[in-house]
Amino acid sequence: MPAAPSVRGALRVALVDFYFNSSRLVPANLLWGLGLVVLYLIALVSPLGAILVAPLLALPTAGVFRIAALIVRGEPVSFWDGLAAWREQLVPALAAGVAGVMAVVVLGSNLIAGILSNELLGWAFATFAAWGLATAWLAGIAFWPLLVDPARAHEPARRRARLAGLLVAALPARLGALGVVLAVVSILSAIAFAALVTVSVAYLALVACRYVLPAGDRLETRLTARLHNR
C-alpha cells in the first residue's frame, strides 16, 4: 500500500520536482500559455467562438500533466513526451475539455443568474451551481493525473475516469483541501498573468500528480482487496 499523500507534502515535493525538471516543464507550460493567449484573442472578437475553441486547450493540458506524471512515477521524461500525449489522449482529452467547458458555461450562467435574482429560488439555483462548479473542479484535479498516468497506460480512459470519480467520492474533504489550495494558486497566477503562462500550470500539475497518483493507487488497492475477500 503506497503511503498516504498530504497536501503539504505534495506542495513541497512539487517544488523540488519543478526545480530539477524546469527545462521540460517550462516549455510545456509556455505552449499551454500560448493556447490561452490565442483563446483570449478569439474571445475579443467572438465570445461564442472562444467557447467553441476552448476544449482544444485540453490538449496542451494533457501534455503538461503527462510530463508531471512521468516525473512523479520516476520515468525518463522529455518535452516531447508532452507532445506525444496530445496524440495518445486525443479523444479522452477533448471529451474532458468539452465536458469542462460545458460545466463552466452552464453552471457559471446559473450561478450568476441566481446571484443577480432577488428570489429565493434563484439563490437556491446559485447554491447548487456553486457546488457543481466545485465538484467539477475536484473531478478535473483527480482526472488529469490519472488520464496520463504511465502506470495506467494499458487501462481504458473510461476506467481512469471512473477511478477519478471514486476518488472524489471517497476523499471529498482531502481533495477539497487540495482543490482550495490549487484554486488559490490559480487565482494568484491569473492576476500575475506571466506566472500562469510560464510556470504555474506545470507546478499545479506536479502538485496534483503528487497527491492524486498515490491516492489513486491506495484506493485501487483497497477496492481490489475487497473484491478478493468476497
C-alpha atoms as a PDB file:
ATOM      1  CA  MET A   1       0.000   0.000   0.000  1.00  0.00           C
ATOM      2  CA  PRO A   2       1.526   3.366  -1.020  1.00  0.00           C
ATOM      3  CA  ALA A   3       1.941   5.953   1.718  1.00  0.00           C
ATOM      4  CA  ALA A   4      -0.987   8.334   2.151  1.00  0.00           C
ATOM      5  CA  PRO A   5      -0.271  11.648   0.393  1.00  0.00           C
ATOM      6  CA  SER A   6      -0.625  15.024   2.075  1.00  0.00           C
ATOM      7  CA  VAL A   7      -1.319  18.429   0.584  1.00  0.00           C
ATOM      8  CA  ARG A   8       1.666  19.987   2.341  1.00  0.00           C
ATOM      9  CA  GLY A   9       3.965  17.193   1.185  1.00  0.00           C
ATOM     10  CA  ALA A  10       2.712  17.445  -2.391  1.00  0.00           C
ATOM     11  CA  LEU A  11       3.331  21.207  -2.431  1.00  0.00           C
ATOM     12  CA  ARG A  12       6.838  20.796  -1.055  1.00  0.00           C
ATOM     13  CA  VAL A  13       7.978  17.908  -3.258  1.00  0.00           C
ATOM     14  CA  ALA A  14       6.455  19.530  -6.352  1.00  0.00           C
ATOM     15  CA  LEU A  15       8.801  22.487  -5.849  1.00  0.00           C
ATOM     16  CA  VAL A  16      11.776  20.119  -5.913  1.00  0.00           C
ATOM     17  CA  ASP A  17      10.352  18.367  -8.970  1.00  0.00           C
ATOM     18  CA  PHE A  18       9.973  21.675 -10.769  1.00  0.00           C
ATOM     19  CA  TYR A  19      13.488  22.809  -9.901  1.00  0.00           C
ATOM     20  CA  PHE A  20      15.111  19.717 -11.402  1.00  0.00           C
ATOM     21  CA  ASN A  21      12.784  19.460 -14.411  1.00  0.00           C
ATOM     22  CA  SER A  22      12.171  23.088 -15.340  1.00  0.00           C
ATOM     23  CA  SER A  23      13.792  22.625 -18.763  1.00  0.00           C
ATOM     24  CA  ARG A  24      10.961  20.243 -19.659  1.00  0.00           C
ATOM     25  CA  LEU A  25       8.095  21.822 -17.751  1.00  0.00           C
ATOM     26  CA  VAL A  26       8.542  25.479 -18.703  1.00  0.00           C
ATOM     27  CA  PRO A  27       8.326  24.875 -22.498  1.00  0.00           C
ATOM     28  CA  ALA A  28       5.205  22.753 -21.977  1.00  0.00           C
ATOM     29  CA  ASN A  29       3.716  25.487 -19.794  1.00  0.00           C
ATOM     30  CA  LEU A  30       4.587  28.120 -22.410  1.00  0.00           C
ATOM     31  CA  LEU A  31       2.809  26.068 -25.069  1.00  0.00           C
ATOM     32  CA  TRP A  32      -0.251  25.919 -22.823  1.00  0.00           C
ATOM     33  CA  GLY A  33       0.046  29.666 -22.234  1.00  0.00           C
ATOM     34  CA  LEU A  34       0.191  30.301 -25.976  1.00  0.00           C
ATOM     35  CA  GLY A  35      -3.085  28.424 -26.341  1.00  0.00           C
ATOM     36  CA  LEU A  36      -4.608  30.563 -23.596  1.00  0.00           C
ATOM     37  CA  VAL A  37      -3.476  33.781 -25.272  1.00  0.00           C
ATOM     38  CA  VAL A  38      -4.937  32.655 -28.604  1.00  0.00           C
ATOM     39  CA  LEU A  39      -8.185  31.803 -26.845  1.00  0.00           C
ATOM     40  CA  TYR A  40      -8.251  35.254 -25.261  1.00  0.00           C
ATOM     41  CA  LEU A  41      -7.713  36.943 -28.622  1.00  0.00           C
ATOM     42  CA  ILE A  42     -10.556  34.911 -30.138  1.00  0.00           C
ATOM     43  CA  ALA A  43     -12.793  35.921 -27.228  1.00  0.00           C
ATOM     44  CA  LEU A  44     -12.168  39.600 -28.000  1.00  0.00           C
ATOM     45  CA  VAL A  45     -13.622  39.055 -31.467  1.00  0.00           C
ATOM     46  CA  SER A  46     -16.234  36.379 -30.763  1.00  0.00           C
ATOM     47  CA  PRO A  47     -17.086  35.099 -27.248  1.00  0.00           C
ATOM     48  CA  LEU A  48     -19.065  32.234 -28.788  1.00  0.00           C
ATOM     49  CA  GLY A  49     -16.085  31.314 -30.941  1.00  0.00           C
ATOM     50  CA  ALA A  50     -13.894  31.227 -27.843  1.00  0.00           C
ATOM     51  CA  ILE A  51     -16.323  28.851 -26.151  1.00  0.00           C
ATOM     52  CA  LEU A  52     -16.283  26.560 -29.170  1.00  0.00           C
ATOM     53  CA  VAL A  53     -12.475  26.578 -29.376  1.00  0.00           C
ATOM     54  CA  ALA A  54     -11.836  26.345 -25.606  1.00  0.00           C
ATOM     55  CA  PRO A  55     -11.947  22.495 -25.450  1.00  0.00           C
ATOM     56  CA  LEU A  56      -8.777  22.417 -27.575  1.00  0.00           C
ATOM     57  CA  LEU A  57      -6.874  23.774 -24.569  1.00  0.00           C
ATOM     58  CA  ALA A  58      -7.298  20.278 -23.133  1.00  0.00           C
ATOM     59  CA  LEU A  59      -4.536  19.023 -25.451  1.00  0.00           C
ATOM     60  CA  PRO A  60      -1.688  21.148 -24.028  1.00  0.00           C
ATOM     61  CA  THR A  61      -3.191  20.452 -20.587  1.00  0.00           C
ATOM     62  CA  ALA A  62      -2.742  16.727 -21.217  1.00  0.00           C
ATOM     63  CA  GLY A  63       0.820  17.437 -22.337  1.00  0.00           C
ATOM     64  CA  VAL A  64       1.754  19.289 -19.151  1.00  0.00           C
ATOM     65  CA  PHE A  65       0.164  16.617 -16.959  1.00  0.00           C
ATOM     66  CA  ARG A  66       1.901  13.803 -18.868  1.00  0.00           C
ATOM     67  CA  ILE A  67       5.309  15.305 -18.141  1.00  0.00           C
ATOM     68  CA  ALA A  68       4.331  15.802 -14.488  1.00  0.00           C
ATOM     69  CA  ALA A  69       3.032  12.237 -14.182  1.00  0.00           C
ATOM     70  CA  LEU A  70       6.224  10.787 -15.674  1.00  0.00           C
ATOM     71  CA  ILE A  71       8.295  12.812 -13.195  1.00  0.00           C
ATOM     72  CA  VAL A  72       6.205  11.616 -10.257  1.00  0.00           C
ATOM     73  CA  ARG A  73       6.449   7.985 -11.415  1.00  0.00           C
ATOM     74  CA  GLY A  74      10.227   8.296 -11.771  1.00  0.00           C
ATOM     75  CA  GLU A  75      10.149   7.581 -15.515  1.00  0.00           C
ATOM     76  CA  PRO A  76      12.508   9.070 -18.116  1.00  0.00           C
ATOM     77  CA  VAL A  77      10.901  12.251 -19.407  1.00  0.00           C
ATOM     78  CA  SER A  78      11.364  14.866 -22.094  1.00  0.00           C
ATOM     79  CA  PHE A  79       9.385  17.753 -23.542  1.00  0.00           C
ATOM     80  CA  TRP A  80       8.391  15.513 -26.451  1.00  0.00           C
ATOM     81  CA  ASP A  81       6.524  13.192 -24.094  1.00  0.00           C
ATOM     82  CA  GLY A  82       4.086  16.033 -23.544  1.00  0.00           C
ATOM     83  CA  LEU A  83       3.507  16.425 -27.286  1.00  0.00           C
ATOM     84  CA  ALA A  84       3.038  12.663 -27.616  1.00  0.00           C
ATOM     85  CA  ALA A  85       0.199  12.865 -25.076  1.00  0.00           C
ATOM     86  CA  TRP A  86      -1.717  15.120 -27.484  1.00  0.00           C
ATOM     87  CA  ARG A  87      -1.949  12.230 -29.949  1.00  0.00           C
ATOM     88  CA  GLU A  88      -2.284   9.380 -27.474  1.00  0.00           C
ATOM     89  CA  GLN A  89      -5.020  11.010 -25.384  1.00  0.00           C
ATOM     90  CA  LEU A  90      -6.702  12.970 -28.174  1.00  0.00           C
ATOM     91  CA  VAL A  91     -10.241  11.646 -27.762  1.00  0.00           C
ATOM     92  CA  PRO A  92     -10.487  11.462 -23.933  1.00  0.00           C
ATOM     93  CA  ALA A  93      -8.703  14.814 -23.533  1.00  0.00           C
ATOM     94  CA  LEU A  94     -11.057  16.566 -25.950  1.00  0.00           C
ATOM     95  CA  ALA A  95     -14.046  14.881 -24.308  1.00  0.00           C
ATOM     96  CA  ALA A  96     -12.853  16.162 -20.935  1.00  0.00           C
ATOM     97  CA  GLY A  97     -12.339  19.606 -22.448  1.00  0.00           C
ATOM     98  CA  VAL A  98     -15.869  19.692 -23.848  1.00  0.00           C
ATOM     99  CA  ALA A  99     -17.319  18.489 -20.536  1.00  0.00           C
ATOM    100  CA  GLY A 100     -15.333  21.069 -18.591  1.00  0.00           C
ATOM    101  CA  VAL A 101     -16.333  23.971 -20.842  1.00  0.00           C
ATOM    102  CA  MET A 102     -19.986  22.924 -20.746  1.00  0.00           C
ATOM    103  CA  ALA A 103     -19.892  22.695 -16.951  1.00  0.00           C
ATOM    104  CA  VAL A 104     -18.346  26.155 -16.624  1.00  0.00           C
ATOM    105  CA  VAL A 105     -20.761  27.753 -19.103  1.00  0.00           C
ATOM    106  CA  VAL A 106     -23.949  26.141 -17.774  1.00  0.00           C
ATOM    107  CA  LEU A 107     -23.170  26.206 -14.072  1.00  0.00           C
ATOM    108  CA  GLY A 108     -21.470  29.586 -14.267  1.00  0.00           C
ATOM    109  CA  SER A 109     -24.516  31.069 -16.011  1.00  0.00           C
ATOM    110  CA  ASN A 110     -26.828  29.604 -13.368  1.00  0.00           C
ATOM    111  CA  LEU A 111     -24.595  30.933 -10.613  1.00  0.00           C
ATOM    112  CA  ILE A 112     -24.562  34.483 -11.990  1.00  0.00           C
ATOM    113  CA  ALA A 113     -28.282  34.460 -12.787  1.00  0.00           C
ATOM    114  CA  GLY A 114     -29.111  33.144  -9.326  1.00  0.00           C
ATOM    115  CA  ILE A 115     -26.961  35.717  -7.549  1.00  0.00           C
ATOM    116  CA  LEU A 116     -28.482  38.568  -9.554  1.00  0.00           C
ATOM    117  CA  SER A 117     -32.047  37.429  -8.879  1.00  0.00           C
ATOM    118  CA  ASN A 118     -33.991  38.643  -5.863  1.00  0.00           C
ATOM    119  CA  GLU A 119     -35.854  35.380  -5.400  1.00  0.00           C
ATOM    120  CA  LEU A 120     -35.213  32.520  -3.008  1.00  0.00           C
ATOM    121  CA  LEU A 121     -35.416  30.010  -5.865  1.00  0.00           C
ATOM    122  CA  GLY A 122     -32.688  31.907  -7.688  1.00  0.00           C
ATOM    123  CA  TRP A 123     -30.405  31.749  -4.677  1.00  0.00           C
ATOM    124  CA  ALA A 124     -31.077  28.016  -4.434  1.00  0.00           C
ATOM    125  CA  PHE A 125     -30.036  27.574  -8.069  1.00  0.00           C
ATOM    126  CA  ALA A 126     -26.933  29.642  -7.423  1.00  0.00           C
ATOM    127  CA  THR A 127     -26.015  27.421  -4.463  1.00  0.00           C
ATOM    128  CA  PHE A 128     -26.433  24.235  -6.495  1.00  0.00           C
ATOM    129  CA  ALA A 129     -24.412  25.757  -9.323  1.00  0.00           C
ATOM    130  CA  ALA A 130     -21.595  26.724  -6.940  1.00  0.00           C
ATOM    131  CA  TRP A 131     -21.435  23.180  -5.570  1.00  0.00           C
ATOM    132  CA  GLY A 132     -21.496  21.862  -9.123  1.00  0.00           C
ATOM    133  CA  LEU A 133     -18.546  24.027 -10.125  1.00  0.00           C
ATOM    134  CA  ALA A 134     -16.624  22.939  -7.033  1.00  0.00           C
ATOM    135  CA  THR A 135     -17.302  19.276  -7.845  1.00  0.00           C
ATOM    136  CA  ALA A 136     -16.239  19.775 -11.459  1.00  0.00           C
ATOM    137  CA  TRP A 137     -13.003  21.411 -10.251  1.00  0.00           C
ATOM    138  CA  LEU A 138     -12.214  18.474  -7.970  1.00  0.00           C
ATOM    139  CA  ALA A 139     -13.114  15.976 -10.691  1.00  0.00           C
ATOM    140  CA  GLY A 140     -10.666  17.705 -13.038  1.00  0.00           C
ATOM    141  CA  ILE A 141      -7.915  17.636 -10.425  1.00  0.00           C
ATOM    142  CA  ALA A 142      -8.439  13.897  -9.990  1.00  0.00           C
ATOM    143  CA  PHE A 143      -8.964  13.102 -13.673  1.00  0.00           C
ATOM    144  CA  TRP A 144      -5.987  14.661 -15.440  1.00  0.00           C
ATOM    145  CA  PRO A 145      -3.206  12.910 -13.479  1.00  0.00           C
ATOM    146  CA  LEU A 146      -4.952   9.546 -13.860  1.00  0.00           C
ATOM    147  CA  LEU A 147      -5.617  10.034 -17.574  1.00  0.00           C
ATOM    148  CA  VAL A 148      -1.913  10.442 -18.407  1.00  0.00           C
ATOM    149  CA  ASP A 149      -0.512   8.148 -15.683  1.00  0.00           C
ATOM    150  CA  PRO A 150       2.127   5.910 -17.348  1.00  0.00           C
ATOM    151  CA  ALA A 151       1.352   3.181 -14.805  1.00  0.00           C
ATOM    152  CA  ARG A 152      -2.221   3.042 -16.159  1.00  0.00           C
ATOM    153  CA  ALA A 153      -1.410   3.362 -19.850  1.00  0.00           C
ATOM    154  CA  HIS A 154      -2.947  -0.064 -20.535  1.00  0.00           C
ATOM    155  CA  GLU A 155      -6.282   0.882 -18.962  1.00  0.00           C
ATOM    156  CA  PRO A 156      -9.166   2.377 -20.974  1.00  0.00           C
ATOM    157  CA  ALA A 157      -9.871   6.049 -20.371  1.00  0.00           C
ATOM    158  CA  ARG A 158     -13.319   5.193 -19.038  1.00  0.00           C
ATOM    159  CA  ARG A 159     -11.792   3.178 -16.206  1.00  0.00           C
ATOM    160  CA  ARG A 160      -9.450   6.021 -15.290  1.00  0.00           C
ATOM    161  CA  ALA A 161     -12.352   8.472 -15.327  1.00  0.00           C
ATOM    162  CA  ARG A 162     -14.305   6.122 -13.069  1.00  0.00           C
ATOM    163  CA  LEU A 163     -11.381   5.977 -10.615  1.00  0.00           C
ATOM    164  CA  ALA A 164     -11.261   9.787 -10.597  1.00  0.00           C
ATOM    165  CA  GLY A 165     -14.949   9.884  -9.674  1.00  0.00           C
ATOM    166  CA  LEU A 166     -14.406   7.314  -6.927  1.00  0.00           C
ATOM    167  CA  LEU A 167     -11.547   9.401  -5.537  1.00  0.00           C
ATOM    168  CA  VAL A 168     -13.756  12.481  -5.304  1.00  0.00           C
ATOM    169  CA  ALA A 169     -16.459  10.423  -3.578  1.00  0.00           C
ATOM    170  CA  ALA A 170     -14.040   8.665  -1.206  1.00  0.00           C
ATOM    171  CA  LEU A 171     -11.884  11.671  -0.271  1.00  0.00           C
ATOM    172  CA  PRO A 172     -14.131  14.747  -0.504  1.00  0.00           C
ATOM    173  CA  ALA A 173     -12.525  16.604   2.402  1.00  0.00           C
ATOM    174  CA  ARG A 174      -8.905  15.869   1.460  1.00  0.00           C
ATOM    175  CA  LEU A 175      -9.408  16.539  -2.232  1.00  0.00           C
ATOM    176  CA  GLY A 176     -11.414  19.593  -1.231  1.00  0.00           C
ATOM    177  CA  ALA A 177      -8.435  20.936   0.711  1.00  0.00           C
ATOM    178  CA  LEU A 178      -6.185  20.276  -2.270  1.00  0.00           C
ATOM    179  CA  GLY A 179      -8.731  21.935  -4.546  1.00  0.00           C
ATOM    180  CA  VAL A 180      -8.834  25.069  -2.390  1.00  0.00           C
ATOM    181  CA  VAL A 181      -5.039  25.369  -2.401  1.00  0.00           C
ATOM    182  CA  LEU A 182      -4.816  24.869  -6.165  1.00  0.00           C
ATOM    183  CA  ALA A 183      -7.657  27.329  -6.738  1.00  0.00           C
ATOM    184  CA  VAL A 184      -5.858  29.998  -4.679  1.00  0.00           C
ATOM    185  CA  VAL A 185      -2.625  29.413  -6.606  1.00  0.00           C
ATOM    186  CA  SER A 186      -4.563  29.587  -9.886  1.00  0.00           C
ATOM    187  CA  ILE A 187      -6.234  32.876  -8.951  1.00  0.00           C
ATOM    188  CA  LEU A 188      -2.958  34.456  -7.852  1.00  0.00           C
ATOM    189  CA  SER A 189      -1.308  33.224 -11.044  1.00  0.00           C
ATOM    190  CA  ALA A 190      -4.116  34.662 -13.154  1.00  0.00           C
ATOM    191  CA  ILE A 191      -3.529  38.042 -11.502  1.00  0.00           C
ATOM    192  CA  ALA A 192       0.186  37.732 -12.242  1.00  0.00           C
ATOM    193  CA  PHE A 193      -0.514  36.572 -15.789  1.00  0.00           C
ATOM    194  CA  ALA A 194       3.132  35.918 -16.654  1.00  0.00           C
ATOM    195  CA  ALA A 195       3.328  33.264 -13.944  1.00  0.00           C
ATOM    196  CA  LEU A 196       0.274  31.468 -15.324  1.00  0.00           C
ATOM    197  CA  VAL A 197       1.742  31.400 -18.826  1.00  0.00           C
ATOM    198  CA  THR A 198       5.239  30.272 -17.810  1.00  0.00           C
ATOM    199  CA  VAL A 199       5.300  28.159 -14.646  1.00  0.00           C
ATOM    200  CA  SER A 200       2.066  27.913 -12.666  1.00  0.00           C
ATOM    201  CA  VAL A 201       0.219  25.298 -14.715  1.00  0.00           C
ATOM    202  CA  ALA A 202       3.226  22.974 -14.616  1.00  0.00           C
ATOM    203  CA  TYR A 203       3.565  23.413 -10.854  1.00  0.00           C
ATOM    204  CA  LEU A 204      -0.148  22.794 -10.316  1.00  0.00           C
ATOM    205  CA  ALA A 205       0.106  19.648 -12.449  1.00  0.00           C
ATOM    206  CA  LEU A 206       3.021  18.408 -10.337  1.00  0.00           C
ATOM    207  CA  VAL A 207       1.123  19.037  -7.095  1.00  0.00           C
ATOM    208  CA  ALA A 208      -1.969  17.279  -8.431  1.00  0.00           C
ATOM    209  CA  CYS A 209       0.056  14.289  -9.637  1.00  0.00           C
ATOM    210  CA  ARG A 210       1.993  14.081  -6.366  1.00  0.00           C
ATOM    211  CA  TYR A 211      -1.308  13.812  -4.493  1.00  0.00           C
ATOM    212  CA  VAL A 212      -3.690  12.049  -6.864  1.00  0.00           C
ATOM    213  CA  LEU A 213      -1.493   9.244  -8.179  1.00  0.00           C
ATOM    214  CA  PRO A 214      -0.626   7.703  -4.781  1.00  0.00           C
ATOM    215  CA  ALA A 215      -4.181   8.346  -3.580  1.00  0.00           C
ATOM    216  CA  GLY A 216      -5.492   6.529  -6.655  1.00  0.00           C
ATOM    217  CA  ASP A 217      -3.064   3.646  -6.061  1.00  0.00           C
ATOM    218  CA  ARG A 218      -4.223   3.324  -2.453  1.00  0.00           C
ATOM    219  CA  LEU A 219      -7.906   3.398  -3.353  1.00  0.00           C
ATOM    220  CA  GLU A 220      -7.449   0.857  -6.149  1.00  0.00           C
ATOM    221  CA  THR A 221      -5.529  -1.454  -3.792  1.00  0.00           C
ATOM    222  CA  ARG A 222      -8.328  -1.294  -1.218  1.00  0.00           C
ATOM    223  CA  LEU A 223     -11.012  -1.923  -3.825  1.00  0.00           C
ATOM    224  CA  THR A 224      -9.100  -4.903  -5.221  1.00  0.00           C
ATOM    225  CA  ALA A 225      -8.625  -6.331  -1.731  1.00  0.00           C
ATOM    226  CA  ARG A 226     -12.359  -6.059  -1.021  1.00  0.00           C
ATOM    227  CA  LEU A 227     -13.207  -7.879  -4.230  1.00  0.00           C
ATOM    228  CA  HIS A 228     -10.801 -10.692  -3.386  1.00  0.00           C
ATOM    229  CA  ASN A 229     -12.226 -11.010   0.138  1.00  0.00           C
ATOM    230  CA  ARG A 230     -15.788 -11.513  -1.064  1.00  0.00           C
END
